[in-house]
Amino acid sequence: MDTPSTRSYSKIPLLHAGIASFLQLMLNRFFYQEVALKSARVRLVGKVLAINLKELSQPLIFMFSEQRVDVVNQWPTPADCVIKTALVTLRHLKDKQQLSTLINDGRVVIEGDMQVVQHWFALLDATEWDPAHYLAPYVGDVVAEGVSCWVKKGIVGINGLLKQQKKTV
């Protein structure tokens, strides 16, 4: 018999795959379309970074190459670096000043090559994160700003979904 709890479990892999696909699409757009980011990207080529979020039952694994980043939920070999944290803490990791505090507080655990984390943060810092920046040449400033607001609301919604999913598991 299909109960509400078993139905939610069957949707979890689909949610994980959707998150990985969305991240892959967005990160490739942000990281690999800007020529200015090449020096930051080159340092990550051939590296594998896993991020284990408390809200997800599977890690997000980032595999960097010269042409793209692939995001998957499973990978047969160990990652060069693993970051374990919660989604709400993840946004604070961009601030290098807070990283040691977060590690000391136990809110972030980093296993493996610390240079991968440093190169990842350098790439994040160098990236323009406003979707309007990328959309404006195609759709105009007004539409781009509207879509940007919509995307930001979507991210808040995804965060809420993840929290809700964690409570039901």
Protein backbone atom coordinates (compact mmCIF):
# COMPACT_ATOMS: atom_id res chain seq x y z
CA MET A 1 0.00 0.00 0.00
CA ASP A 2 1.29 3.46 -0.90
CA THR A 3 1.21 5.60 2.23
CA PRO A 4 2.06 9.32 2.34
CA SER A 5 5.42 8.58 3.96
CA THR A 6 6.45 6.01 1.32
CA ARG A 7 5.38 8.40 -1.44
CA SER A 8 7.63 11.12 -0.05
CA TYR A 9 10.57 8.68 0.12
CA SER A 10 10.09 7.73 -3.53
CA LYS A 11 10.29 11.40 -4.53
CA ILE A 12 13.56 12.06 -2.68
CA PRO A 13 15.90 10.68 -5.40
CA LEU A 14 14.01 12.77 -7.94
CA LEU A 15 14.46 15.86 -5.76
CA HIS A 16 18.19 15.14 -5.41
CA ALA A 17 18.58 14.64 -9.16
CA GLY A 18 16.66 17.86 -9.81
CA ILE A 19 18.85 19.84 -7.42
CA ALA A 20 22.03 18.40 -8.98
CA SER A 21 20.80 19.17 -12.51
CA PHE A 22 19.79 22.71 -11.60
CA LEU A 23 23.12 23.36 -9.89
CA GLN A 24 25.06 21.94 -12.83
CA LEU A 25 23.19 24.14 -15.28
CA MET A 26 23.59 27.29 -13.20
CA LEU A 27 27.23 26.74 -12.25
CA ASN A 28 28.24 26.03 -15.83
CA ARG A 29 26.49 29.21 -16.88
CA PHE A 30 28.11 31.28 -14.13
CA PHE A 31 31.59 29.73 -14.10
CA TYR A 32 32.27 28.82 -17.70
CA GLN A 33 30.79 31.65 -19.76
CA GLU A 34 32.97 34.34 -18.18
CA VAL A 35 36.48 34.42 -19.64
CA ALA A 36 37.66 36.41 -16.62
CA LEU A 37 37.06 33.37 -14.37
CA LYS A 38 39.42 31.08 -16.26
CA SER A 39 42.34 31.54 -13.85
CA ALA A 40 40.10 30.64 -10.90
CA ARG A 41 38.63 27.63 -12.76
CA VAL A 42 41.99 26.21 -13.84
CA ARG A 43 42.99 25.53 -10.24
CA LEU A 44 40.01 23.18 -9.86
CA VAL A 45 40.46 21.16 -13.08
CA GLY A 46 40.54 17.45 -12.27
CA LYS A 47 39.35 17.97 -8.69
CA VAL A 48 36.28 16.46 -7.06
CA LEU A 49 34.50 18.34 -4.28
CA ALA A 50 31.68 16.77 -2.26
CA ILE A 51 29.30 18.83 -0.18
CA ASN A 52 27.27 16.91 2.37
CA LEU A 53 24.33 19.01 3.49
CA LYS A 54 22.42 17.93 6.59
CA GLU A 55 19.18 18.64 4.72
CA LEU A 56 19.99 16.13 1.97
CA SER A 57 20.46 12.39 2.33
CA GLN A 58 22.98 12.31 -0.54
CA PRO A 59 26.00 14.54 -1.15
CA LEU A 60 26.34 16.99 -4.00
CA ILE A 61 29.52 16.05 -5.84
CA PHE A 62 31.21 18.60 -8.10
CA MET A 63 33.67 17.30 -10.72
CA PHE A 64 35.63 20.05 -12.41
CA SER A 65 37.08 19.89 -15.92
CA GLU A 66 38.39 22.55 -18.31
CA GLN A 67 35.05 22.81 -20.11
CA ARG A 68 32.47 22.30 -17.37
CA VAL A 69 31.51 21.24 -13.89
CA ASP A 70 29.40 18.11 -13.46
CA VAL A 71 27.18 17.79 -10.41
CA VAL A 72 26.05 14.31 -9.34
CA ASN A 73 24.82 12.61 -6.18
CA GLN A 74 27.05 9.54 -6.38
CA TRP A 75 30.63 9.02 -7.48
CA PRO A 76 32.61 5.77 -7.23
CA THR A 77 35.89 7.29 -6.03
CA PRO A 78 36.55 9.42 -2.96
CA ALA A 79 36.39 13.18 -3.38
CA ASP A 80 39.54 15.28 -3.07
CA CYS A 81 37.70 17.33 -0.46
CA VAL A 82 34.45 16.91 1.48
CA ILE A 83 32.56 19.76 3.15
CA LYS A 84 29.95 18.76 5.73
CA THR A 85 27.55 21.46 6.85
CA ALA A 86 23.94 22.67 6.80
CA LEU A 87 22.35 24.66 4.01
CA VAL A 88 21.94 27.76 6.17
CA THR A 89 25.65 27.67 7.03
CA LEU A 90 26.72 27.20 3.41
CA ARG A 91 26.06 30.83 2.52
CA HIS A 92 28.40 31.99 5.31
CA LEU A 93 31.30 30.02 3.85
CA LYS A 94 32.02 32.75 1.30
CA ASP A 95 33.33 34.90 4.14
CA LYS A 96 36.85 33.60 4.74
CA GLN A 97 36.91 35.37 8.09
CA GLN A 98 34.03 33.20 9.34
CA LEU A 99 35.37 29.90 8.04
CA SER A 100 37.67 29.18 10.98
CA THR A 101 34.90 30.14 13.42
CA LEU A 102 32.44 27.81 11.67
CA ILE A 103 34.99 24.99 11.74
CA ASN A 104 35.77 25.56 15.43
CA ASP A 105 32.03 25.65 16.26
CA GLY A 106 31.56 22.34 14.46
CA ARG A 107 29.08 23.85 12.01
CA VAL A 108 31.49 23.01 9.16
CA VAL A 109 33.67 19.92 8.83
CA ILE A 110 36.24 19.80 6.04
CA GLU A 111 37.95 16.54 5.15
CA GLY A 112 40.68 16.21 2.55
CA ASP A 113 42.57 18.79 0.51
CA MET A 114 41.97 22.24 2.01
CA GLN A 115 43.31 23.86 -1.18
CA VAL A 116 40.26 22.61 -3.07
CA VAL A 117 38.06 24.54 -0.62
CA GLN A 118 40.21 27.64 -1.00
CA HIS A 119 40.08 27.45 -4.82
CA TRP A 120 36.31 26.83 -4.69
CA PHE A 121 35.78 29.92 -2.55
CA ALA A 122 38.04 31.97 -4.81
CA LEU A 123 35.88 30.95 -7.78
CA LEU A 124 32.70 31.76 -5.87
CA ASP A 125 34.07 35.16 -4.88
CA ALA A 126 35.01 36.01 -8.46
CA THR A 127 31.61 35.04 -9.87
CA GLU A 128 28.81 37.54 -10.59
CA TRP A 129 25.76 35.90 -8.97
CA ASP A 130 23.00 38.20 -10.19
CA PRO A 131 20.97 36.40 -12.89
CA ALA A 132 19.99 39.80 -14.29
CA HIS A 133 23.62 40.31 -15.31
CA TYR A 134 23.41 37.32 -17.64
CA LEU A 135 19.86 37.82 -18.89
CA ALA A 136 19.89 41.56 -19.65
CA PRO A 137 21.66 41.28 -23.03
CA TYR A 138 18.95 38.86 -24.23
CA VAL A 139 15.71 40.15 -22.69
CA GLY A 140 16.42 43.70 -21.51
CA ASP A 141 17.05 45.15 -18.07
CA VAL A 142 13.44 45.26 -16.82
CA VAL A 143 12.63 41.64 -17.69
CA ALA A 144 16.02 40.51 -16.40
CA GLU A 145 15.39 42.16 -13.03
CA GLY A 146 11.96 40.52 -12.83
CA VAL A 147 13.39 37.10 -13.58
CA SER A 148 16.18 37.72 -11.07
CA CYS A 149 13.63 38.42 -8.34
CA TRP A 150 11.71 35.30 -9.35
CA VAL A 151 14.89 33.18 -9.15
CA LYS A 152 15.72 34.55 -5.70
CA LYS A 153 12.20 33.69 -4.49
CA GLY A 154 12.64 30.22 -6.02
CA ILE A 155 15.83 29.69 -4.04
CA VAL A 156 13.99 30.63 -0.84
CA GLY A 157 11.27 28.16 -1.82
CA ILE A 158 13.77 25.38 -2.46
CA ASN A 159 15.32 26.06 0.93
CA GLY A 160 11.87 25.71 2.51
CA LEU A 161 11.26 22.48 0.60
CA LEU A 162 14.54 21.05 1.82
CA LYS A 163 13.70 21.92 5.43
CA GLN A 164 10.26 20.36 5.05
CA GLN A 165 11.73 17.25 3.39
CA LYS A 166 14.21 16.85 6.26
CA LYS A 167 11.38 16.98 8.80
CA THR A 168 9.43 14.22 7.02
CA VAL A 169 12.42 11.87 6.72
